[in-house]
Amino acid sequence: VKWVSSFPGNLDMNLDRASAVLIVNSRLTGRPEAIIEG
């Protein structure tokens, strides 16, 4: 699952509009295997 935000006002604060986290799960066990900057 990707959990991604879009806050256009961030641009006025010299921040990127979008930020995100990606969680990758095992298809075999369903257990989370990685947390990645998304």
PDB file of all heavy atoms in Angstrom:
ATOM      1  N   VAL A   1       0.840  -1.186   0.000  1.00  0.00           N
ATOM      2  CA  VAL A   1       0.000   0.000   0.000  1.00  0.00           C
ATOM      3  C   VAL A   1       0.883   1.246   0.000  1.00  0.00           C
ATOM      4  O   VAL A   1       1.912   1.294   0.681  1.00  0.00           O
ATOM      5  CB  VAL A   1      -0.962   0.013   1.215  1.00  0.00           C
ATOM      6  CG1 VAL A   1      -0.195   0.045   2.529  1.00  0.00           C
ATOM      7  CG2 VAL A   1      -1.952   1.176   1.125  1.00  0.00           C
ATOM      8  N   LYS A   2       0.476   2.222  -0.798  1.00  0.00           N
ATOM      9  CA  LYS A   2       1.117   3.535  -0.763  1.00  0.00           C
ATOM     10  C   LYS A   2       0.199   4.497  -0.023  1.00  0.00           C
ATOM     11  O   LYS A   2      -1.003   4.540  -0.285  1.00  0.00           O
ATOM     12  CB  LYS A   2       1.391   4.054  -2.172  1.00  0.00           C
ATOM     13  CG  LYS A   2       2.050   5.448  -2.170  1.00  0.00           C
ATOM     14  CD  LYS A   2       2.443   5.899  -3.562  1.00  0.00           C
ATOM     15  CE  LYS A   2       1.251   6.291  -4.400  1.00  0.00           C
ATOM     16  NZ  LYS A   2       1.645   6.916  -5.682  1.00  0.00           N
ATOM     17  N   TRP A   3       0.760   5.244   0.905  1.00  0.00           N
ATOM     18  CA  TRP A   3       0.049   6.254   1.678  1.00  0.00           C
ATOM     19  C   TRP A   3       0.674   7.586   1.296  1.00  0.00           C
ATOM     20  O   TRP A   3       1.798   7.893   1.687  1.00  0.00           O
ATOM     21  CB  TRP A   3       0.200   5.947   3.172  1.00  0.00           C
ATOM     22  CG  TRP A   3      -0.471   6.831   4.160  1.00  0.00           C
ATOM     23  CD1 TRP A   3       0.122   7.533   5.167  1.00  0.00           C
ATOM     24  CD2 TRP A   3      -1.886   7.087   4.303  1.00  0.00           C
ATOM     25  NE1 TRP A   3      -0.811   8.196   5.916  1.00  0.00           N
ATOM     26  CE2 TRP A   3      -2.052   7.949   5.410  1.00  0.00           C
ATOM     27  CE3 TRP A   3      -3.017   6.666   3.593  1.00  0.00           C
ATOM     28  CZ2 TRP A   3      -3.299   8.405   5.820  1.00  0.00           C
ATOM     29  CZ3 TRP A   3      -4.260   7.127   4.006  1.00  0.00           C
ATOM     30  CH2 TRP A   3      -4.395   7.978   5.105  1.00  0.00           C
ATOM     31  N   VAL A   4      -0.024   8.357   0.443  1.00  0.00           N
ATOM     32  CA  VAL A   4       0.584   9.533  -0.180  1.00  0.00           C
ATOM     33  C   VAL A   4      -0.267  10.769   0.088  1.00  0.00           C
ATOM     34  O   VAL A   4      -1.492  10.742  -0.055  1.00  0.00           O
ATOM     35  CB  VAL A   4       0.775   9.315  -1.700  1.00  0.00           C
ATOM     36  CG1 VAL A   4      -0.532   8.956  -2.391  1.00  0.00           C
ATOM     37  CG2 VAL A   4       1.433  10.517  -2.354  1.00  0.00           C
ATOM     38  N   SER A   5       0.384  11.834   0.474  1.00  0.00           N
ATOM     39  CA  SER A   5      -0.322  13.090   0.731  1.00  0.00           C
ATOM     40  C   SER A   5      -0.051  14.077  -0.396  1.00  0.00           C
ATOM     41  O   SER A   5       1.008  14.053  -1.039  1.00  0.00           O
ATOM     42  CB  SER A   5       0.140  13.699   2.059  1.00  0.00           C
ATOM     43  OG  SER A   5       1.482  14.139   1.961  1.00  0.00           O
ATOM     44  N   SER A   6      -1.024  14.939  -0.637  1.00  0.00           N
ATOM     45  CA  SER A   6      -0.869  16.038  -1.585  1.00  0.00           C
ATOM     46  C   SER A   6      -1.310  17.314  -0.884  1.00  0.00           C
ATOM     47  O   SER A   6      -2.500  17.506  -0.615  1.00  0.00           O
ATOM     48  CB  SER A   6      -1.716  15.794  -2.839  1.00  0.00           C
ATOM     49  OG  SER A   6      -1.653  16.915  -3.707  1.00  0.00           O
ATOM     50  N   PHE A   7      -0.345  18.166  -0.576  1.00  0.00           N
ATOM     51  CA  PHE A   7      -0.591  19.442   0.094  1.00  0.00           C
ATOM     52  C   PHE A   7       0.045  20.545  -0.750  1.00  0.00           C
ATOM     53  O   PHE A   7       1.217  20.895  -0.553  1.00  0.00           O
ATOM     54  CB  PHE A   7       0.009  19.428   1.508  1.00  0.00           C
ATOM     55  CG  PHE A   7      -0.849  18.758   2.547  1.00  0.00           C
ATOM     56  CD1 PHE A   7      -1.251  17.435   2.389  1.00  0.00           C
ATOM     57  CD2 PHE A   7      -1.268  19.442   3.679  1.00  0.00           C
ATOM     58  CE1 PHE A   7      -2.043  16.806   3.329  1.00  0.00           C
ATOM     59  CE2 PHE A   7      -2.070  18.818   4.633  1.00  0.00           C
ATOM     60  CZ  PHE A   7      -2.455  17.503   4.460  1.00  0.00           C
ATOM     61  N   PRO A   8      -0.692  21.094  -1.729  1.00  0.00           N
ATOM     62  CA  PRO A   8      -0.106  22.084  -2.640  1.00  0.00           C
ATOM     63  C   PRO A   8       0.496  23.295  -1.931  1.00  0.00           C
ATOM     64  O   PRO A   8       1.458  23.892  -2.425  1.00  0.00           O
ATOM     65  CB  PRO A   8      -1.293  22.489  -3.521  1.00  0.00           C
ATOM     66  CG  PRO A   8      -2.187  21.299  -3.506  1.00  0.00           C
ATOM     67  CD  PRO A   8      -2.069  20.732  -2.123  1.00  0.00           C
ATOM     68  N   GLY A   9      -0.045  23.662  -0.761  1.00  0.00           N
ATOM     69  CA  GLY A   9       0.495  24.802  -0.024  1.00  0.00           C
ATOM     70  C   GLY A   9       1.915  24.606   0.458  1.00  0.00           C
ATOM     71  O   GLY A   9       2.600  25.572   0.820  1.00  0.00           O
ATOM     72  N   ASN A  10       2.376  23.359   0.462  1.00  0.00           N
ATOM     73  CA  ASN A  10       3.762  23.096   0.853  1.00  0.00           C
ATOM     74  C   ASN A  10       4.750  23.860  -0.022  1.00  0.00           C
ATOM     75  O   ASN A  10       5.853  24.212   0.421  1.00  0.00           O
ATOM     76  CB  ASN A  10       4.074  21.600   0.751  1.00  0.00           C
ATOM     77  CG  ASN A  10       3.502  20.802   1.897  1.00  0.00           C
ATOM     78  OD1 ASN A  10       2.902  21.347   2.820  1.00  0.00           O
ATOM     79  ND2 ASN A  10       3.686  19.492   1.846  1.00  0.00           N
ATOM     80  N   LEU A  11       4.372  24.096  -1.275  1.00  0.00           N
ATOM     81  CA  LEU A  11       5.279  24.767  -2.201  1.00  0.00           C
ATOM     82  C   LEU A  11       5.638  26.160  -1.702  1.00  0.00           C
ATOM     83  O   LEU A  11       6.758  26.632  -1.927  1.00  0.00           O
ATOM     84  CB  LEU A  11       4.643  24.846  -3.591  1.00  0.00           C
ATOM     85  CG  LEU A  11       4.326  23.494  -4.255  1.00  0.00           C
ATOM     86  CD1 LEU A  11       3.568  23.711  -5.548  1.00  0.00           C
ATOM     87  CD2 LEU A  11       5.591  22.700  -4.495  1.00  0.00           C
ATOM     88  N   ASP A  12       4.721  26.812  -1.012  1.00  0.00           N
ATOM     89  CA  ASP A  12       4.988  28.145  -0.482  1.00  0.00           C
ATOM     90  C   ASP A  12       5.956  28.104   0.698  1.00  0.00           C
ATOM     91  O   ASP A  12       6.487  29.141   1.114  1.00  0.00           O
ATOM     92  CB  ASP A  12       3.680  28.814  -0.038  1.00  0.00           C
ATOM     93  CG  ASP A  12       2.721  29.019  -1.195  1.00  0.00           C
ATOM     94  OD1 ASP A  12       3.201  29.211  -2.332  1.00  0.00           O
ATOM     95  OD2 ASP A  12       1.494  28.966  -0.974  1.00  0.00           O
ATOM     96  N   MET A  13       6.175  26.903   1.252  1.00  0.00           N
ATOM     97  CA  MET A  13       7.105  26.733   2.368  1.00  0.00           C
ATOM     98  C   MET A  13       8.390  26.038   1.929  1.00  0.00           C
ATOM     99  O   MET A  13       9.148  25.523   2.744  1.00  0.00           O
ATOM    100  CB  MET A  13       6.425  25.930   3.489  1.00  0.00           C
ATOM    101  CG  MET A  13       5.184  26.582   4.061  1.00  0.00           C
ATOM    102  SD  MET A  13       4.455  25.640   5.435  1.00  0.00           S
ATOM    103  CE  MET A  13       3.657  24.302   4.521  1.00  0.00           C
ATOM    104  N   ASN A  14       8.604  26.008   0.597  1.00  0.00           N
ATOM    105  CA  ASN A  14       9.771  25.342   0.027  1.00  0.00           C
ATOM    106  C   ASN A  14       9.813  23.858   0.377  1.00  0.00           C
ATOM    107  O   ASN A  14      10.890  23.263   0.564  1.00  0.00           O
ATOM    108  CB  ASN A  14      11.071  26.030   0.460  1.00  0.00           C
ATOM    109  CG  ASN A  14      11.222  27.407  -0.151  1.00  0.00           C
ATOM    110  OD1 ASN A  14      10.892  27.613  -1.322  1.00  0.00           O
ATOM    111  ND2 ASN A  14      11.695  28.360   0.634  1.00  0.00           N
ATOM    112  N   LEU A  15       8.627  23.260   0.472  1.00  0.00           N
ATOM    113  CA  LEU A  15       8.504  21.821   0.674  1.00  0.00           C
ATOM    114  C   LEU A  15       7.855  21.209  -0.559  1.00  0.00           C
ATOM    115  O   LEU A  15       7.114  21.874  -1.286  1.00  0.00           O
ATOM    116  CB  LEU A  15       7.635  21.515   1.899  1.00  0.00           C
ATOM    117  CG  LEU A  15       8.128  22.020   3.249  1.00  0.00           C
ATOM    118  CD1 LEU A  15       7.058  21.771   4.314  1.00  0.00           C
ATOM    119  CD2 LEU A  15       9.439  21.355   3.639  1.00  0.00           C
ATOM    120  N   ASP A  16       8.131  19.933  -0.811  1.00  0.00           N
ATOM    121  CA  ASP A  16       7.479  19.252  -1.922  1.00  0.00           C
ATOM    122  C   ASP A  16       5.986  19.108  -1.642  1.00  0.00           C
ATOM    123  O   ASP A  16       5.565  18.917  -0.492  1.00  0.00           O
ATOM    124  CB  ASP A  16       8.088  17.870  -2.141  1.00  0.00           C
ATOM    125  CG  ASP A  16       9.483  17.942  -2.737  1.00  0.00           C
ATOM    126  OD1 ASP A  16       9.773  18.928  -3.435  1.00  0.00           O
ATOM    127  OD2 ASP A  16      10.275  17.006  -2.509  1.00  0.00           O
ATOM    128  N   ARG A  17       5.203  19.189  -2.713  1.00  0.00           N
ATOM    129  CA  ARG A  17       3.757  19.045  -2.586  1.00  0.00           C
ATOM    130  C   ARG A  17       3.377  17.692  -2.011  1.00  0.00           C
ATOM    131  O   ARG A  17       2.485  17.583  -1.169  1.00  0.00           O
ATOM    132  CB  ARG A  17       3.106  19.216  -3.968  1.00  0.00           C
ATOM    133  CG  ARG A  17       1.607  18.926  -4.005  1.00  0.00           C
ATOM    134  CD  ARG A  17       1.087  18.900  -5.431  1.00  0.00           C
ATOM    135  NE  ARG A  17       1.735  17.879  -6.228  1.00  0.00           N
ATOM    136  CZ  ARG A  17       1.397  16.595  -6.245  1.00  0.00           C
ATOM    137  NH1 ARG A  17       0.392  16.162  -5.485  1.00  0.00           N
ATOM    138  NH2 ARG A  17       2.032  15.734  -7.004  1.00  0.00           N
ATOM    139  N   ALA A  18       4.056  16.639  -2.468  1.00  0.00           N
ATOM    140  CA  ALA A  18       3.679  15.275  -2.095  1.00  0.00           C
ATOM    141  C   ALA A  18       4.718  14.634  -1.183  1.00  0.00           C
ATOM    142  O   ALA A  18       5.919  14.888  -1.304  1.00  0.00           O
ATOM    143  CB  ALA A  18       3.508  14.420  -3.344  1.00  0.00           C
ATOM    144  N   SER A  19       4.242  13.818  -0.271  1.00  0.00           N
ATOM    145  CA  SER A  19       5.112  12.952   0.529  1.00  0.00           C
ATOM    146  C   SER A  19       4.410  11.612   0.659  1.00  0.00           C
ATOM    147  O   SER A  19       3.180  11.538   0.598  1.00  0.00           O
ATOM    148  CB  SER A  19       5.393  13.553   1.908  1.00  0.00           C
ATOM    149  OG  SER A  19       4.184  13.794   2.606  1.00  0.00           O
ATOM    150  N   ALA A  20       5.210  10.547   0.830  1.00  0.00           N
ATOM    151  CA  ALA A  20       4.580   9.225   0.782  1.00  0.00           C
ATOM    152  C   ALA A  20       5.431   8.179   1.487  1.00  0.00           C
ATOM    153  O   ALA A  20       6.649   8.322   1.620  1.00  0.00           O
ATOM    154  CB  ALA A  20       4.351   8.801  -0.668  1.00  0.00           C
ATOM    155  N   VAL A  21       4.750   7.135   1.898  1.00  0.00           N
ATOM    156  CA  VAL A  21       5.376   5.933   2.432  1.00  0.00           C
ATOM    157  C   VAL A  21       4.787   4.742   1.687  1.00  0.00           C
ATOM    158  O   VAL A  21       3.579   4.691   1.431  1.00  0.00           O
ATOM    159  CB  VAL A  21       5.122   5.785   3.950  1.00  0.00           C
ATOM    160  CG1 VAL A  21       5.605   4.427   4.446  1.00  0.00           C
ATOM    161  CG2 VAL A  21       5.809   6.897   4.724  1.00  0.00           C
ATOM    162  N   LEU A  22       5.645   3.790   1.315  1.00  0.00           N
ATOM    163  CA  LEU A  22       5.201   2.565   0.661  1.00  0.00           C
ATOM    164  C   LEU A  22       5.531   1.392   1.576  1.00  0.00           C
ATOM    165  O   LEU A  22       6.675   1.247   2.029  1.00  0.00           O
ATOM    166  CB  LEU A  22       5.911   2.392  -0.686  1.00  0.00           C
ATOM    167  CG  LEU A  22       5.589   1.121  -1.476  1.00  0.00           C
ATOM    168  CD1 LEU A  22       4.135   1.123  -1.934  1.00  0.00           C
ATOM    169  CD2 LEU A  22       6.525   0.982  -2.678  1.00  0.00           C
ATOM    170  N   ILE A  23       4.532   0.570   1.864  1.00  0.00           N
ATOM    171  CA  ILE A  23       4.732  -0.655   2.640  1.00  0.00           C
ATOM    172  C   ILE A  23       4.603  -1.834   1.690  1.00  0.00           C
ATOM    173  O   ILE A  23       3.615  -1.945   0.958  1.00  0.00           O
ATOM    174  CB  ILE A  23       3.710  -0.777   3.782  1.00  0.00           C
ATOM    175  CG1 ILE A  23       3.844   0.410   4.750  1.00  0.00           C
ATOM    176  CG2 ILE A  23       3.897  -2.089   4.534  1.00  0.00           C
ATOM    177  CD1 ILE A  23       2.791   0.438   5.829  1.00  0.00           C
ATOM    178  N   VAL A  24       5.605  -2.699   1.681  1.00  0.00           N
ATOM    179  CA  VAL A  24       5.605  -3.896   0.839  1.00  0.00           C
ATOM    180  C   VAL A  24       5.388  -5.116   1.726  1.00  0.00           C
ATOM    181  O   VAL A  24       6.081  -5.291   2.738  1.00  0.00           O
ATOM    182  CB  VAL A  24       6.932  -4.019   0.064  1.00  0.00           C
ATOM    183  CG1 VAL A  24       6.968  -5.321  -0.725  1.00  0.00           C
ATOM    184  CG2 VAL A  24       7.118  -2.826  -0.869  1.00  0.00           C
ATOM    185  N   ASN A  25       4.420  -5.937   1.354  1.00  0.00           N
ATOM    186  CA  ASN A  25       4.063  -7.135   2.131  1.00  0.00           C
ATOM    187  C   ASN A  25       4.408  -8.412   1.381  1.00  0.00           C
ATOM    188  O   ASN A  25       4.340  -8.455   0.148  1.00  0.00           O
ATOM    189  CB  ASN A  25       2.565  -7.151   2.440  1.00  0.00           C
ATOM    190  CG  ASN A  25       2.139  -6.020   3.338  1.00  0.00           C
ATOM    191  OD1 ASN A  25       2.038  -4.879   2.892  1.00  0.00           O
ATOM    192  ND2 ASN A  25       1.881  -6.317   4.592  1.00  0.00           N
ATOM    193  N   SER A  26       4.721  -9.451   2.144  1.00  0.00           N
ATOM    194  CA  SER A  26       4.940 -10.767   1.563  1.00  0.00           C
ATOM    195  C   SER A  26       3.623 -11.342   1.053  1.00  0.00           C
ATOM    196  O   SER A  26       2.614 -11.327   1.760  1.00  0.00           O
ATOM    197  CB  SER A  26       5.527 -11.714   2.612  1.00  0.00           C
ATOM    198  OG  SER A  26       5.439 -13.060   2.184  1.00  0.00           O
ATOM    199  N   ARG A  27       3.629 -11.856  -0.162  1.00  0.00           N
ATOM    200  CA  ARG A  27       2.442 -12.530  -0.687  1.00  0.00           C
ATOM    201  C   ARG A  27       2.244 -13.874   0.007  1.00  0.00           C
ATOM    202  O   ARG A  27       1.125 -14.366   0.102  1.00  0.00           O
ATOM    203  CB  ARG A  27       2.596 -12.717  -2.202  1.00  0.00           C
ATOM    204  CG  ARG A  27       1.492 -13.541  -2.850  1.00  0.00           C
ATOM    205  CD  ARG A  27       0.141 -12.837  -2.750  1.00  0.00           C
ATOM    206  NE  ARG A  27      -0.896 -13.665  -3.353  1.00  0.00           N
ATOM    207  CZ  ARG A  27      -1.585 -14.607  -2.728  1.00  0.00           C
ATOM    208  NH1 ARG A  27      -1.331 -14.866  -1.439  1.00  0.00           N
ATOM    209  NH2 ARG A  27      -2.519 -15.281  -3.358  1.00  0.00           N
ATOM    210  N   LEU A  28       3.320 -14.467   0.536  1.00  0.00           N
ATOM    211  CA  LEU A  28       3.232 -15.768   1.172  1.00  0.00           C
ATOM    212  C   LEU A  28       2.633 -15.688   2.569  1.00  0.00           C
ATOM    213  O   LEU A  28       1.770 -16.481   2.940  1.00  0.00           O
ATOM    214  CB  LEU A  28       4.627 -16.412   1.240  1.00  0.00           C
ATOM    215  CG  LEU A  28       4.721 -17.787   1.895  1.00  0.00           C
ATOM    216  CD1 LEU A  28       3.916 -18.809   1.090  1.00  0.00           C
ATOM    217  CD2 LEU A  28       6.179 -18.215   2.007  1.00  0.00           C
ATOM    218  N   THR A  29       3.068 -14.713   3.375  1.00  0.00           N
ATOM    219  CA  THR A  29       2.638 -14.617   4.774  1.00  0.00           C
ATOM    220  C   THR A  29       1.802 -13.392   5.076  1.00  0.00           C
ATOM    221  O   THR A  29       1.171 -13.321   6.135  1.00  0.00           O
ATOM    222  CB  THR A  29       3.857 -14.601   5.711  1.00  0.00           C
ATOM    223  OG1 THR A  29       4.589 -13.377   5.496  1.00  0.00           O
ATOM    224  CG2 THR A  29       4.764 -15.792   5.455  1.00  0.00           C
ATOM    225  N   GLY A  30       1.820 -12.412   4.191  1.00  0.00           N
ATOM    226  CA  GLY A  30       1.130 -11.158   4.455  1.00  0.00           C
ATOM    227  C   GLY A  30       1.900 -10.223   5.364  1.00  0.00           C
ATOM    228  O   GLY A  30       1.479  -9.082   5.583  1.00  0.00           O
ATOM    229  N   ARG A  31       3.036 -10.657   5.876  1.00  0.00           N
ATOM    230  CA  ARG A  31       3.796  -9.838   6.822  1.00  0.00           C
ATOM    231  C   ARG A  31       4.517  -8.704   6.094  1.00  0.00           C
ATOM    232  O   ARG A  31       5.023  -8.893   4.979  1.00  0.00           O
ATOM    233  CB  ARG A  31       4.803 -10.716   7.575  1.00  0.00           C
ATOM    234  CG  ARG A  31       4.129 -11.719   8.510  1.00  0.00           C
ATOM    235  CD  ARG A  31       5.040 -12.878   8.852  1.00  0.00           C
ATOM    236  NE  ARG A  31       6.044 -12.532   9.854  1.00  0.00           N
ATOM    237  CZ  ARG A  31       5.871 -12.658  11.173  1.00  0.00           C
ATOM    238  NH1 ARG A  31       4.720 -13.113  11.648  1.00  0.00           N
ATOM    239  NH2 ARG A  31       6.828 -12.352  12.012  1.00  0.00           N
ATOM    240  N   PRO A  32       4.558  -7.516   6.695  1.00  0.00           N
ATOM    241  CA  PRO A  32       5.297  -6.417   6.055  1.00  0.00           C
ATOM    242  C   PRO A  32       6.785  -6.733   5.994  1.00  0.00           C
ATOM    243  O   PRO A  32       7.378  -7.177   6.974  1.00  0.00           O
ATOM    244  CB  PRO A  32       5.012  -5.219   6.961  1.00  0.00           C
ATOM    245  CG  PRO A  32       4.655  -5.815   8.282  1.00  0.00           C
ATOM    246  CD  PRO A  32       3.979  -7.111   7.989  1.00  0.00           C
ATOM    247  N   GLU A  33       7.364  -6.509   4.814  1.00  0.00           N
ATOM    248  CA  GLU A  33       8.783  -6.801   4.611  1.00  0.00           C
ATOM    249  C   GLU A  33       9.632  -5.548   4.472  1.00  0.00           C
ATOM    250  O   GLU A  33      10.839  -5.591   4.719  1.00  0.00           O
ATOM    251  CB  GLU A  33       8.961  -7.661   3.364  1.00  0.00           C
ATOM    252  CG  GLU A  33       8.314  -9.028   3.460  1.00  0.00           C
ATOM    253  CD  GLU A  33       8.544  -9.873   2.235  1.00  0.00           C
ATOM    254  OE1 GLU A  33       8.532  -9.314   1.111  1.00  0.00           O
ATOM    255  OE2 GLU A  33       8.729 -11.094   2.381  1.00  0.00           O
ATOM    256  N   ALA A  34       9.011  -4.441   4.053  1.00  0.00           N
ATOM    257  CA  ALA A  34       9.786  -3.217   3.842  1.00  0.00           C
ATOM    258  C   ALA A  34       8.901  -1.996   4.033  1.00  0.00           C
ATOM    259  O   ALA A  34       7.710  -2.016   3.712  1.00  0.00           O
ATOM    260  CB  ALA A  34      10.400  -3.212   2.442  1.00  0.00           C
ATOM    261  N   ILE A  35       9.505  -0.960   4.566  1.00  0.00           N
ATOM    262  CA  ILE A  35       8.897   0.370   4.635  1.00  0.00           C
ATOM    263  C   ILE A  35       9.816   1.291   3.852  1.00  0.00           C
ATOM    264  O   ILE A  35      10.992   1.452   4.194  1.00  0.00           O
ATOM    265  CB  ILE A  35       8.735   0.861   6.086  1.00  0.00           C
ATOM    266  CG1 ILE A  35       7.815  -0.089   6.865  1.00  0.00           C
ATOM    267  CG2 ILE A  35       8.173   2.278   6.109  1.00  0.00           C
ATOM    268  CD1 ILE A  35       7.702   0.258   8.344  1.00  0.00           C
ATOM    269  N   ILE A  36       9.279   1.879   2.800  1.00  0.00           N
ATOM    270  CA  ILE A  36      10.098   2.622   1.843  1.00  0.00           C
ATOM    271  C   ILE A  36       9.571   4.044   1.711  1.00  0.00           C
ATOM    272  O   ILE A  36       8.357   4.258   1.619  1.00  0.00           O
ATOM    273  CB  ILE A  36      10.064   1.936   0.461  1.00  0.00           C
ATOM    274  CG1 ILE A  36      10.354   0.439   0.578  1.00  0.00           C
ATOM    275  CG2 ILE A  36      11.030   2.597  -0.498  1.00  0.00           C
ATOM    276  CD1 ILE A  36      10.119  -0.324  -0.716  1.00  0.00           C
ATOM    277  N   GLU A  37      10.470   5.017   1.675  1.00  0.00           N
ATOM    278  CA  GLU A  37      10.046   6.369   1.320  1.00  0.00           C
ATOM    279  C   GLU A  37       9.401   6.294  -0.051  1.00  0.00           C
ATOM    280  O   GLU A  37       9.994   5.778  -0.996  1.00  0.00           O
ATOM    281  CB  GLU A  37      11.253   7.317   1.294  1.00  0.00           C
ATOM    282  CG  GLU A  37      10.890   8.797   1.274  1.00  0.00           C
ATOM    283  CD  GLU A  37      10.342   9.274  -0.057  1.00  0.00           C
ATOM    284  OE1 GLU A  37      10.816   8.809  -1.115  1.00  0.00           O
ATOM    285  OE2 GLU A  37       9.425  10.113  -0.045  1.00  0.00           O
ATOM    286  N   GLY A  38       8.169   6.793  -0.165  1.00  0.00           N
ATOM    287  CA  GLY A  38       7.379   6.512  -1.353  1.00  0.00           C
ATOM    288  C   GLY A  38       7.272   7.612  -2.382  1.00  0.00           C
ATOM    289  O   GLY A  38       6.843   7.348  -3.506  1.00  0.00           O
TER     290      GLY A  38
END
